[in-house]
Amino acid sequence: MSKKYFFLFFLLTSFIGQSGAFSVTEKFKNFVDCSIVGWATISSLISTDFQFRVLGSENVSRPLEDSIRTILSELGLQQEKIHVKQMSDRLASVVSRANAIATANAIYVDEKFMHYLSPEQRRALIGHEGIHIKDNHVLCRLLVLCLGLTLYVGSEVFMLNKITDIKSLSLFTAGTAANVTAIVLGLLAYARYQERTADLKSAELLQCHKGAADLWKLYQLPNEDKSVFTKLKAWVADKFSTHPNLDERVAYLSGNL
């Protein structure tokens, strides 16, 4: 191979290698960020220090905090036990700044986005997060996760004791795949149930069904591609999401107007 072609080959493989490494690194970073945010959320059941370091420790402005606490008081929440914080960059990279998140004892928001919302949309968003706190959704999700892991380990141990030949080994492999799929889909379905509950209960208690429907319309994107592949991809994304489909959310909230 001549030096010219060798140099071009080197540039091409270097470019592909760096692109692949960057892609893997970014995906790995996203995975790490999601995991850390998840553990920080769970840690709110025990201690607030870790969640503040990860999710955000800065206070929002006093006027915004007062308006948020007014909404929370309408839900019957005890104010002294709830923190209102500005979300950190790490949390924003996971949930986006155009959102909010609740742990067991805190609500994290992006102040600029909160000022972008109308008063009714803000009531709907804070009310939604408030119901997560009021109904102990973090604890409930952790308990369901522990139950799922217990069922998984128990069934795996049971099936391992049945392996005697190649046929039973192949059945074990298929059973493990089915086991993992069923548990993951079950956990996701429960998460969507919690989100739906938070939508409807907050809208009912705060009488802001229209504000809630208008809020979720903000997140809807025009979908002009009606191909089968696009519909299939959207269907799979919905099934493996922790939140209900946006069209579905707008529909069931609008239906209660």
Protein backbone atom coordinates (compact mmCIF):
# COMPACT_ATOMS: atom_id res chain seq x y z
CA MET A 1 0.00 0.00 0.00
CA SER A 2 1.39 3.43 -0.95
CA LYS A 3 1.98 6.08 1.69
CA LYS A 4 -0.89 8.17 0.30
CA TYR A 5 -3.45 5.37 0.63
CA PHE A 6 -2.04 4.33 3.99
CA PHE A 7 -2.46 7.89 5.25
CA LEU A 8 -6.07 8.08 3.98
CA PHE A 9 -6.79 4.68 5.54
CA PHE A 10 -5.30 5.88 8.83
CA LEU A 11 -7.44 9.05 8.79
CA LEU A 12 -10.59 7.07 8.01
CA THR A 13 -10.06 4.43 10.71
CA SER A 14 -9.06 7.14 13.20
CA PHE A 15 -12.22 9.10 12.44
CA ILE A 16 -14.42 5.99 12.79
CA GLY A 17 -12.65 4.96 15.98
CA GLN A 18 -12.97 8.38 17.59
CA SER A 19 -16.62 8.69 16.55
CA GLY A 20 -17.37 5.25 17.99
CA ALA A 21 -15.51 6.02 21.22
CA PHE A 22 -17.32 9.35 21.57
CA SER A 23 -20.68 7.69 20.97
CA VAL A 24 -20.00 4.92 23.49
CA THR A 25 -18.64 7.42 26.02
CA GLU A 26 -21.68 9.66 25.68
CA LYS A 27 -24.06 6.73 26.05
CA PHE A 28 -22.06 5.47 29.02
CA LYS A 29 -22.15 8.94 30.58
CA ASN A 30 -25.93 9.08 30.10
CA PHE A 31 -26.26 5.66 31.71
CA VAL A 32 -24.10 6.75 34.66
CA ASP A 33 -26.04 10.01 35.05
CA CYS A 34 -29.39 8.18 35.01
CA SER A 35 -28.12 5.66 37.57
CA ILE A 36 -26.77 8.35 39.89
CA VAL A 37 -30.00 10.37 39.63
CA GLY A 38 -31.96 7.21 40.41
CA TRP A 39 -29.89 6.43 43.49
CA ALA A 40 -30.08 10.07 44.62
CA THR A 41 -33.87 9.90 44.34
CA ILE A 42 -33.98 6.70 46.40
CA SER A 43 -31.55 8.19 48.96
CA SER A 44 -34.17 10.84 49.75
CA LEU A 45 -35.98 8.12 51.73
CA ILE A 46 -33.05 8.08 54.17
CA SER A 47 -30.92 11.22 53.85
CA THR A 48 -31.06 14.51 51.96
CA ASP A 49 -27.30 15.17 51.64
CA PHE A 50 -26.57 12.89 48.68
CA GLN A 51 -29.64 13.93 46.72
CA PHE A 52 -28.79 17.61 47.16
CA ARG A 53 -25.24 17.06 45.86
CA VAL A 54 -26.54 15.27 42.76
CA LEU A 55 -29.96 16.78 42.06
CA GLY A 56 -29.38 20.37 43.17
CA SER A 57 -28.67 22.32 46.34
CA GLU A 58 -29.43 25.90 45.24
CA ASN A 59 -32.67 27.52 46.36
CA VAL A 60 -35.04 29.03 43.83
CA SER A 61 -36.08 32.67 44.20
CA ARG A 62 -38.35 33.46 47.13
CA PRO A 63 -41.38 34.52 45.01
CA LEU A 64 -41.23 31.28 43.01
CA GLU A 65 -40.78 29.17 46.14
CA ASP A 66 -43.77 30.88 47.78
CA SER A 67 -45.97 30.20 44.73
CA ILE A 68 -44.86 26.54 44.67
CA ARG A 69 -45.50 26.11 48.39
CA THR A 70 -48.96 27.63 47.98
CA ILE A 71 -49.79 24.92 45.42
CA LEU A 72 -48.36 22.20 47.66
CA SER A 73 -50.41 23.42 50.61
CA GLU A 74 -53.57 23.02 48.50
CA LEU A 75 -52.66 19.34 48.23
CA GLY A 76 -52.45 19.09 52.02
CA LEU A 77 -48.69 18.57 52.17
CA GLN A 78 -46.69 19.51 55.27
CA GLN A 79 -44.44 22.36 54.12
CA GLU A 80 -41.67 21.92 56.68
CA LYS A 81 -40.79 18.50 55.28
CA ILE A 82 -40.49 19.54 51.63
CA HIS A 83 -37.53 21.26 49.95
CA VAL A 84 -37.81 23.30 46.75
CA LYS A 85 -34.56 23.43 44.79
CA GLN A 86 -33.09 24.51 41.45
CA MET A 87 -32.20 21.37 39.46
CA SER A 88 -28.52 20.66 38.84
CA ASP A 89 -26.90 20.32 35.42
CA ARG A 90 -26.66 16.54 35.90
CA LEU A 91 -30.36 16.25 36.66
CA ALA A 92 -31.19 18.55 33.72
CA SER A 93 -29.17 16.28 31.40
CA VAL A 94 -31.41 13.36 32.41
CA VAL A 95 -34.90 14.90 32.62
CA SER A 96 -34.30 18.17 30.67
CA ARG A 97 -34.80 21.63 32.12
CA ALA A 98 -38.30 21.79 30.64
CA ASN A 99 -39.54 19.50 33.37
CA ALA A 100 -39.60 18.94 37.13
CA ILE A 101 -38.87 15.98 39.39
CA ALA A 102 -39.97 14.94 42.87
CA THR A 103 -38.11 12.79 45.38
CA ALA A 104 -39.55 11.62 48.69
CA ASN A 105 -39.07 15.05 50.27
CA ALA A 106 -38.10 17.57 47.57
CA ILE A 107 -39.13 19.11 44.27
CA TYR A 108 -36.51 20.16 41.72
CA VAL A 109 -37.37 22.69 39.01
CA ASP A 110 -35.65 24.97 36.52
CA GLU A 111 -36.61 28.53 37.41
CA LYS A 112 -36.48 29.88 33.83
CA PHE A 113 -38.82 27.17 32.60
CA MET A 114 -41.22 27.76 35.50
CA HIS A 115 -41.55 31.42 34.51
CA TYR A 116 -42.26 30.32 30.93
CA LEU A 117 -45.39 28.42 32.05
CA SER A 118 -48.81 29.97 32.56
CA PRO A 119 -50.16 29.98 36.16
CA GLU A 120 -52.46 27.01 35.37
CA GLN A 121 -49.69 25.02 33.70
CA ARG A 122 -47.46 25.67 36.69
CA ARG A 123 -50.19 24.49 39.06
CA ALA A 124 -50.54 21.31 37.02
CA LEU A 125 -46.80 20.57 36.96
CA ILE A 126 -46.18 21.27 40.66
CA GLY A 127 -49.41 19.48 41.58
CA HIS A 128 -48.27 16.43 39.64
CA GLU A 129 -44.95 16.34 41.51
CA GLY A 130 -46.72 17.02 44.79
CA ILE A 131 -48.88 13.92 44.38
CA HIS A 132 -45.71 11.87 43.88
CA ILE A 133 -44.62 13.06 47.35
CA LYS A 134 -48.04 12.79 48.98
CA ASP A 135 -48.62 9.21 47.78
CA ASN A 136 -45.04 8.07 48.59
CA HIS A 137 -44.41 7.04 44.98
CA VAL A 138 -40.61 6.76 45.44
CA LEU A 139 -41.06 4.26 48.28
CA CYS A 140 -43.76 2.33 46.42
CA ARG A 141 -41.61 2.08 43.28
CA LEU A 142 -38.67 0.85 45.35
CA LEU A 143 -40.83 -1.82 46.98
CA VAL A 144 -42.15 -2.97 43.59
CA LEU A 145 -38.57 -3.09 42.28
CA CYS A 146 -37.49 -5.24 45.25
CA LEU A 147 -40.46 -7.53 44.67
CA GLY A 148 -39.52 -7.88 40.99
CA LEU A 149 -35.91 -8.70 41.86
CA THR A 150 -37.05 -11.26 44.44
CA LEU A 151 -39.30 -12.98 41.90
CA TYR A 152 -36.49 -12.94 39.34
CA VAL A 153 -33.87 -14.46 41.64
CA GLY A 154 -36.34 -17.04 42.97
CA SER A 155 -37.41 -18.19 39.52
CA GLU A 156 -33.80 -18.30 38.27
CA VAL A 157 -32.73 -20.50 41.19
CA PHE A 158 -35.73 -22.77 40.59
CA MET A 159 -34.93 -23.13 36.88
CA LEU A 160 -31.20 -23.67 37.49
CA ASN A 161 -32.01 -26.75 39.58
CA LYS A 162 -33.88 -28.19 36.59
CA ILE A 163 -30.94 -28.06 34.15
CA THR A 164 -29.85 -31.60 33.23
CA ASP A 165 -29.08 -31.48 29.51
CA ILE A 166 -28.79 -29.20 26.47
CA LYS A 167 -32.56 -29.09 26.01
CA SER A 168 -33.20 -27.93 29.57
CA LEU A 169 -30.35 -25.41 29.24
CA SER A 170 -31.98 -23.89 26.15
CA LEU A 171 -35.29 -23.75 28.02
CA PHE A 172 -33.52 -22.03 30.93
CA THR A 173 -32.07 -19.41 28.54
CA ALA A 174 -35.48 -18.77 26.97
CA GLY A 175 -37.08 -18.64 30.42
CA THR A 176 -34.53 -16.10 31.64
CA ALA A 177 -35.19 -13.85 28.63
CA ALA A 178 -38.96 -14.08 29.20
CA ASN A 179 -38.45 -13.48 32.92
CA VAL A 180 -36.42 -10.31 32.43
CA THR A 181 -38.83 -8.98 29.77
CA ALA A 182 -41.89 -9.59 31.93
CA ILE A 183 -40.36 -7.95 35.02
CA VAL A 184 -39.08 -4.90 33.11
CA LEU A 185 -42.42 -4.38 31.36
CA GLY A 186 -44.21 -4.82 34.69
CA LEU A 187 -42.04 -2.20 36.39
CA LEU A 188 -42.54 0.23 33.50
CA ALA A 189 -46.30 -0.35 33.54
CA TYR A 190 -46.37 0.41 37.28
CA ALA A 191 -44.36 3.61 36.71
CA ARG A 192 -46.87 4.70 34.05
CA TYR A 193 -49.71 3.94 36.48
CA GLN A 194 -48.08 6.25 39.05
CA GLU A 195 -47.70 9.02 36.47
CA ARG A 196 -51.33 8.66 35.38
CA THR A 197 -52.45 8.75 39.02
CA ALA A 198 -50.40 11.90 39.66
CA ASP A 199 -51.91 13.55 36.57
CA LEU A 200 -55.53 12.84 37.50
CA LYS A 201 -55.34 13.33 41.28
CA SER A 202 -53.52 16.66 41.04
CA ALA A 203 -55.89 17.91 38.33
CA GLU A 204 -58.87 16.91 40.47
CA LEU A 205 -57.58 18.41 43.73
CA LEU A 206 -56.39 21.64 42.10
CA GLN A 207 -59.17 21.81 39.50
CA CYS A 208 -56.65 22.39 36.72
CA HIS A 209 -57.56 19.78 34.09
CA LYS A 210 -57.24 22.32 31.27
CA GLY A 211 -53.92 23.58 32.60
CA ALA A 212 -52.63 19.99 32.80
CA ALA A 213 -53.78 19.20 29.25
CA ASP A 214 -52.18 22.43 27.98
CA LEU A 215 -48.97 21.55 29.86
CA TRP A 216 -48.53 18.19 28.15
CA LYS A 217 -49.38 19.71 24.78
CA LEU A 218 -46.14 21.70 25.12
CA TYR A 219 -44.16 18.47 24.86
CA GLN A 220 -45.97 17.14 21.80
CA LEU A 221 -44.07 17.20 18.52
CA PRO A 222 -45.70 17.19 15.07
CA ASN A 223 -45.38 13.73 13.56
CA GLU A 224 -45.69 14.02 9.80
CA ASP A 225 -44.03 10.65 9.10
CA LYS A 226 -46.83 8.06 9.05
CA SER A 227 -44.71 5.12 7.85
CA VAL A 228 -45.14 1.69 9.44
CA PHE A 229 -41.57 1.80 10.77
CA THR A 230 -42.18 5.14 12.50
CA LYS A 231 -45.41 3.88 14.07
CA LEU A 232 -43.69 0.68 15.22
CA LYS A 233 -40.80 2.66 16.72
CA ALA A 234 -43.25 4.93 18.55
CA TRP A 235 -45.19 1.92 19.85
CA VAL A 236 -42.02 0.28 21.22
CA ALA A 237 -40.90 3.59 22.77
CA ASP A 238 -44.28 3.90 24.53
CA LYS A 239 -44.11 0.34 25.91
CA PHE A 240 -40.61 0.90 27.28
CA SER A 241 -41.34 4.34 28.75
CA THR A 242 -41.88 5.25 32.40
CA HIS A 243 -44.47 7.86 31.35
CA PRO A 244 -47.78 7.59 29.48
CA ASN A 245 -47.99 8.55 25.84
CA LEU A 246 -48.41 12.33 25.48
CA ASP A 247 -51.49 12.01 23.26
CA GLU A 248 -53.01 9.69 25.86
CA ARG A 249 -52.27 12.13 28.69
CA VAL A 250 -53.84 15.05 26.86
CA ALA A 251 -56.88 12.88 26.00
CA TYR A 252 -57.68 11.63 29.51
CA LEU A 253 -57.13 15.07 31.04
CA SER A 254 -59.22 16.80 28.37
CA GLY A 255 -61.93 14.20 28.89
CA ASN A 256 -62.35 15.38 32.48
CA LEU A 257 -62.86 19.05 31.61
